[in-house]
N, C-alpha and C. Protein backbone atom coordinates (compact mmCIF):
# COMPACT_ATOMS: atom_id res chain seq x y z
N MET A 1 -133.71 49.03 -96.43
CA MET A 1 -134.53 49.33 -97.59
C MET A 1 -135.33 50.59 -97.31
N GLN A 2 -135.18 51.57 -98.13
CA GLN A 2 -135.90 52.82 -97.96
C GLN A 2 -137.17 52.79 -98.80
N THR A 3 -138.24 53.28 -98.23
CA THR A 3 -139.51 53.27 -98.91
C THR A 3 -139.66 54.49 -99.82
N GLN A 4 -140.50 54.38 -100.82
CA GLN A 4 -140.76 55.48 -101.73
C GLN A 4 -141.80 56.44 -101.14
N THR A 5 -142.70 55.93 -100.32
CA THR A 5 -143.76 56.72 -99.74
C THR A 5 -143.39 57.10 -98.32
N LEU A 6 -143.57 58.37 -97.98
CA LEU A 6 -143.23 58.85 -96.64
C LEU A 6 -144.49 59.44 -96.00
N ILE A 7 -144.85 58.90 -94.86
CA ILE A 7 -146.01 59.37 -94.10
C ILE A 7 -145.52 60.36 -93.06
N ARG A 8 -146.17 61.50 -92.96
CA ARG A 8 -145.83 62.50 -91.94
C ARG A 8 -146.63 62.22 -90.69
N ALA A 9 -145.97 61.82 -89.61
CA ALA A 9 -146.66 61.53 -88.36
C ALA A 9 -147.44 62.75 -87.88
N GLN A 10 -146.93 63.93 -88.13
CA GLN A 10 -147.60 65.17 -87.73
C GLN A 10 -149.04 65.20 -88.23
N ASP A 11 -149.27 64.68 -89.43
CA ASP A 11 -150.60 64.69 -90.01
C ASP A 11 -151.56 63.72 -89.34
N TYR A 12 -151.04 62.80 -88.54
CA TYR A 12 -151.86 61.78 -87.88
C TYR A 12 -152.07 62.04 -86.39
N LEU A 13 -151.49 63.12 -85.89
CA LEU A 13 -151.72 63.45 -84.48
C LEU A 13 -153.17 63.83 -84.29
N PRO A 14 -153.80 63.28 -83.26
CA PRO A 14 -155.20 63.67 -83.01
C PRO A 14 -155.26 65.15 -82.63
N LYS A 15 -156.31 65.79 -83.05
CA LYS A 15 -156.51 67.18 -82.70
C LYS A 15 -156.90 67.26 -81.23
N LYS A 16 -156.35 68.22 -80.55
CA LYS A 16 -156.69 68.39 -79.14
C LYS A 16 -158.11 68.95 -79.05
N PRO A 17 -158.93 68.34 -78.21
CA PRO A 17 -160.30 68.83 -78.08
C PRO A 17 -160.35 70.18 -77.38
N GLU A 18 -161.38 70.93 -77.68
CA GLU A 18 -161.60 72.19 -76.97
C GLU A 18 -162.01 71.82 -75.55
N LEU A 19 -161.32 72.37 -74.58
CA LEU A 19 -161.60 72.04 -73.19
C LEU A 19 -162.26 73.23 -72.50
N ALA A 20 -163.13 72.93 -71.56
CA ALA A 20 -163.79 73.98 -70.80
C ALA A 20 -162.75 74.74 -69.99
N GLU A 21 -163.02 76.00 -69.72
CA GLU A 21 -162.10 76.82 -68.96
C GLU A 21 -161.83 76.18 -67.60
N GLY A 22 -160.57 76.16 -67.21
CA GLY A 22 -160.20 75.62 -65.92
C GLY A 22 -159.90 74.13 -65.92
N THR A 23 -160.09 73.44 -67.07
CA THR A 23 -159.78 72.01 -67.13
C THR A 23 -158.40 71.84 -67.76
N THR A 24 -157.85 70.64 -67.59
CA THR A 24 -156.55 70.36 -68.18
C THR A 24 -156.70 69.22 -69.17
N ASP A 25 -155.70 69.07 -70.02
CA ASP A 25 -155.75 68.02 -71.04
C ASP A 25 -154.84 66.85 -70.67
N GLU A 26 -154.60 66.65 -69.38
CA GLU A 26 -153.69 65.59 -68.93
C GLU A 26 -154.17 64.20 -69.35
N LEU A 27 -155.47 64.01 -69.51
CA LEU A 27 -155.98 62.68 -69.83
C LEU A 27 -156.05 62.43 -71.34
N VAL A 28 -155.77 63.45 -72.14
CA VAL A 28 -155.80 63.28 -73.59
C VAL A 28 -154.49 62.65 -74.02
N SER A 29 -154.56 61.48 -74.65
CA SER A 29 -153.35 60.78 -75.06
C SER A 29 -153.11 60.94 -76.55
N GLU A 30 -152.15 61.80 -76.90
CA GLU A 30 -151.78 61.96 -78.30
C GLU A 30 -151.05 60.71 -78.79
N THR A 31 -150.30 60.08 -77.89
CA THR A 31 -149.48 58.94 -78.26
C THR A 31 -150.33 57.79 -78.80
N ASP A 32 -151.31 57.34 -78.01
CA ASP A 32 -152.15 56.24 -78.48
C ASP A 32 -152.91 56.63 -79.73
N GLY A 33 -153.40 57.86 -79.78
CA GLY A 33 -154.12 58.31 -80.96
C GLY A 33 -153.24 58.26 -82.20
N LEU A 34 -151.98 58.63 -82.06
CA LEU A 34 -151.06 58.62 -83.19
C LEU A 34 -150.81 57.21 -83.69
N THR A 35 -150.44 56.30 -82.80
CA THR A 35 -150.12 54.94 -83.24
C THR A 35 -151.36 54.22 -83.76
N ILE A 36 -152.51 54.48 -83.16
CA ILE A 36 -153.74 53.84 -83.64
C ILE A 36 -154.10 54.36 -85.04
N ARG A 37 -153.93 55.65 -85.24
CA ARG A 37 -154.22 56.21 -86.57
C ARG A 37 -153.23 55.70 -87.62
N LEU A 38 -151.99 55.52 -87.24
CA LEU A 38 -150.98 55.04 -88.19
C LEU A 38 -151.04 53.53 -88.42
N PHE A 39 -151.22 52.77 -87.34
CA PHE A 39 -151.08 51.32 -87.43
C PHE A 39 -152.35 50.53 -87.10
N GLY A 40 -153.37 51.21 -86.60
CA GLY A 40 -154.58 50.51 -86.18
C GLY A 40 -154.42 49.83 -84.84
N ALA A 41 -153.33 50.10 -84.13
CA ALA A 41 -153.06 49.51 -82.82
C ALA A 41 -152.05 50.38 -82.09
N ALA A 42 -151.98 50.18 -80.79
CA ALA A 42 -150.98 50.85 -79.97
C ALA A 42 -150.12 49.78 -79.31
N PRO A 43 -148.88 50.08 -78.99
CA PRO A 43 -148.04 49.09 -78.33
C PRO A 43 -148.62 48.70 -76.97
N ASP A 44 -148.62 47.41 -76.69
CA ASP A 44 -149.14 46.90 -75.42
C ASP A 44 -147.96 46.66 -74.50
N TYR A 45 -147.64 47.68 -73.70
CA TYR A 45 -146.46 47.60 -72.85
C TYR A 45 -146.64 46.69 -71.65
N SER A 46 -147.82 46.11 -71.50
CA SER A 46 -147.99 45.10 -70.45
C SER A 46 -147.34 43.79 -70.88
N LYS A 47 -147.04 43.67 -72.17
CA LYS A 47 -146.36 42.48 -72.68
C LYS A 47 -144.85 42.74 -72.71
N LYS A 48 -144.11 41.77 -72.21
CA LYS A 48 -142.65 41.91 -72.11
C LYS A 48 -142.00 42.22 -73.45
N GLU A 49 -142.50 41.63 -74.53
CA GLU A 49 -141.90 41.85 -75.84
C GLU A 49 -141.93 43.33 -76.23
N TYR A 50 -143.05 43.99 -75.94
CA TYR A 50 -143.16 45.42 -76.26
C TYR A 50 -142.31 46.25 -75.33
N GLU A 51 -142.26 45.86 -74.06
CA GLU A 51 -141.42 46.58 -73.11
C GLU A 51 -139.95 46.48 -73.52
N ASP A 52 -139.54 45.30 -73.99
CA ASP A 52 -138.16 45.13 -74.47
C ASP A 52 -137.88 46.02 -75.68
N LEU A 53 -138.85 46.09 -76.60
CA LEU A 53 -138.69 46.97 -77.76
C LEU A 53 -138.59 48.42 -77.32
N TRP A 54 -139.43 48.82 -76.36
CA TRP A 54 -139.40 50.19 -75.85
C TRP A 54 -138.01 50.50 -75.29
N GLN A 55 -137.46 49.56 -74.50
CA GLN A 55 -136.13 49.78 -73.91
C GLN A 55 -135.07 49.93 -75.00
N SER A 56 -135.17 49.12 -76.05
CA SER A 56 -134.17 49.21 -77.12
C SER A 56 -134.28 50.54 -77.85
N VAL A 57 -135.50 51.02 -78.06
CA VAL A 57 -135.70 52.32 -78.72
C VAL A 57 -135.23 53.44 -77.80
N PHE A 58 -135.60 53.37 -76.53
CA PHE A 58 -135.24 54.41 -75.58
C PHE A 58 -133.73 54.50 -75.39
N ASN A 59 -133.05 53.35 -75.38
CA ASN A 59 -131.60 53.32 -75.17
C ASN A 59 -130.81 53.66 -76.42
N ALA A 60 -131.43 53.60 -77.57
CA ALA A 60 -130.73 53.86 -78.84
C ALA A 60 -130.51 55.36 -79.02
N ASP A 61 -129.61 55.68 -79.92
CA ASP A 61 -129.37 57.07 -80.30
C ASP A 61 -130.64 57.64 -80.92
N GLU A 62 -131.07 58.80 -80.44
CA GLU A 62 -132.32 59.40 -80.92
C GLU A 62 -132.30 59.62 -82.43
N LYS A 63 -131.21 60.16 -82.95
CA LYS A 63 -131.13 60.42 -84.39
C LYS A 63 -131.23 59.12 -85.18
N GLU A 64 -130.60 58.06 -84.70
CA GLU A 64 -130.68 56.77 -85.38
C GLU A 64 -132.12 56.25 -85.41
N MET A 65 -132.83 56.42 -84.31
CA MET A 65 -134.23 55.96 -84.25
C MET A 65 -135.12 56.80 -85.17
N ILE A 66 -134.88 58.10 -85.21
CA ILE A 66 -135.64 58.98 -86.11
C ILE A 66 -135.36 58.58 -87.55
N ASP A 67 -134.09 58.31 -87.87
CA ASP A 67 -133.73 57.86 -89.22
C ASP A 67 -134.36 56.50 -89.54
N PHE A 68 -134.40 55.60 -88.54
CA PHE A 68 -135.03 54.29 -88.71
C PHE A 68 -136.50 54.46 -89.11
N CYS A 69 -137.20 55.32 -88.37
CA CYS A 69 -138.62 55.55 -88.68
C CYS A 69 -138.77 56.08 -90.10
N ARG A 70 -137.93 57.02 -90.46
CA ARG A 70 -138.00 57.60 -91.82
C ARG A 70 -137.73 56.55 -92.88
N GLU A 71 -136.73 55.69 -92.65
CA GLU A 71 -136.42 54.62 -93.60
C GLU A 71 -137.59 53.65 -93.75
N LYS A 72 -138.36 53.49 -92.69
CA LYS A 72 -139.52 52.60 -92.71
C LYS A 72 -140.77 53.30 -93.25
N GLY A 73 -140.64 54.59 -93.58
CA GLY A 73 -141.74 55.30 -94.23
C GLY A 73 -142.52 56.26 -93.36
N VAL A 74 -142.05 56.52 -92.13
CA VAL A 74 -142.77 57.44 -91.25
C VAL A 74 -141.81 58.55 -90.80
N ASP A 75 -142.13 59.77 -91.20
CA ASP A 75 -141.35 60.93 -90.78
C ASP A 75 -141.91 61.41 -89.45
N VAL A 76 -141.14 61.27 -88.38
CA VAL A 76 -141.63 61.62 -87.04
C VAL A 76 -141.24 63.03 -86.61
N ILE A 77 -140.70 63.81 -87.53
CA ILE A 77 -140.36 65.20 -87.22
C ILE A 77 -141.58 66.07 -87.50
N GLY A 78 -141.96 66.87 -86.50
CA GLY A 78 -143.14 67.71 -86.63
C GLY A 78 -142.85 69.01 -87.36
N ASP A 79 -143.88 69.80 -87.50
CA ASP A 79 -143.77 71.08 -88.19
C ASP A 79 -142.81 72.03 -87.49
N ASP A 80 -142.61 71.82 -86.18
CA ASP A 80 -141.72 72.68 -85.42
C ASP A 80 -140.25 72.24 -85.50
N GLY A 81 -139.99 71.15 -86.22
CA GLY A 81 -138.61 70.67 -86.37
C GLY A 81 -138.17 69.69 -85.30
N PHE A 82 -139.06 69.37 -84.37
CA PHE A 82 -138.75 68.42 -83.30
C PHE A 82 -139.60 67.16 -83.48
N PRO A 83 -139.16 66.04 -82.87
CA PRO A 83 -139.97 64.82 -82.97
C PRO A 83 -141.36 65.04 -82.36
N VAL A 84 -142.37 64.45 -82.99
CA VAL A 84 -143.74 64.58 -82.50
C VAL A 84 -143.91 63.79 -81.20
N THR A 85 -144.94 64.16 -80.44
CA THR A 85 -145.27 63.41 -79.24
C THR A 85 -145.56 61.97 -79.62
N GLY A 86 -144.94 61.04 -78.91
CA GLY A 86 -145.18 59.63 -79.18
C GLY A 86 -144.32 59.03 -80.29
N TRP A 87 -143.30 59.75 -80.72
CA TRP A 87 -142.48 59.24 -81.83
C TRP A 87 -141.80 57.92 -81.46
N ARG A 88 -141.44 57.75 -80.20
CA ARG A 88 -140.80 56.49 -79.80
C ARG A 88 -141.78 55.32 -79.90
N ASP A 89 -143.05 55.58 -79.63
CA ASP A 89 -144.07 54.53 -79.78
C ASP A 89 -144.21 54.13 -81.25
N VAL A 90 -144.06 55.10 -82.14
CA VAL A 90 -144.06 54.80 -83.57
C VAL A 90 -142.88 53.89 -83.88
N ALA A 91 -141.71 54.21 -83.35
CA ALA A 91 -140.53 53.37 -83.57
C ALA A 91 -140.74 51.96 -83.02
N VAL A 92 -141.37 51.86 -81.85
CA VAL A 92 -141.66 50.55 -81.27
C VAL A 92 -142.57 49.75 -82.19
N MET A 93 -143.61 50.39 -82.72
CA MET A 93 -144.53 49.69 -83.62
C MET A 93 -143.81 49.24 -84.89
N LEU A 94 -142.94 50.07 -85.42
CA LEU A 94 -142.18 49.69 -86.62
C LEU A 94 -141.25 48.52 -86.32
N LYS A 95 -140.63 48.53 -85.15
CA LYS A 95 -139.78 47.40 -84.76
C LYS A 95 -140.62 46.14 -84.54
N ALA A 96 -141.82 46.30 -83.99
CA ALA A 96 -142.71 45.15 -83.79
C ALA A 96 -143.12 44.55 -85.13
N ILE A 97 -143.34 45.39 -86.12
CA ILE A 97 -143.66 44.90 -87.47
C ILE A 97 -142.46 44.13 -88.02
N ASP A 98 -141.26 44.70 -87.88
CA ASP A 98 -140.06 44.01 -88.34
C ASP A 98 -139.87 42.67 -87.66
N ALA A 99 -140.23 42.58 -86.39
CA ALA A 99 -140.04 41.35 -85.61
C ALA A 99 -141.17 40.35 -85.83
N GLY A 100 -142.20 40.73 -86.62
CA GLY A 100 -143.30 39.83 -86.89
C GLY A 100 -144.32 39.80 -85.76
N MET A 101 -144.23 40.70 -84.81
CA MET A 101 -145.19 40.76 -83.70
C MET A 101 -146.50 41.41 -84.13
N VAL A 102 -146.45 42.22 -85.15
CA VAL A 102 -147.62 42.92 -85.68
C VAL A 102 -147.66 42.72 -87.17
N THR A 103 -148.83 42.44 -87.69
CA THR A 103 -148.98 42.37 -89.14
C THR A 103 -150.04 43.39 -89.55
N LEU A 104 -149.78 44.05 -90.63
CA LEU A 104 -150.70 45.04 -91.15
C LEU A 104 -151.48 44.42 -92.32
N ALA A 105 -152.76 44.66 -92.32
CA ALA A 105 -153.61 44.11 -93.39
C ALA A 105 -153.43 44.86 -94.68
């Protein structure tokens, strides 16, 4: 079932903070920020169910997973034409919703 409304994941990526000269942004997590902004939660990979979903997404054909996200209403292709950072986590959350592991209010 394809949705009528399409959310652009690019629009939900957290803005990178201005960092002082000489510092790195290694601790800034775009992935968690993206899924929290989209779903109000991030996948909990300490739970086997989420790890299993991650493996299924990771092992699947990338184009099929991108199409899956789009069919579920989330376009994970960024402005540069490539998948956004954390797009697989978005796919995991969408699969978790389908599996009844997550409910959205």
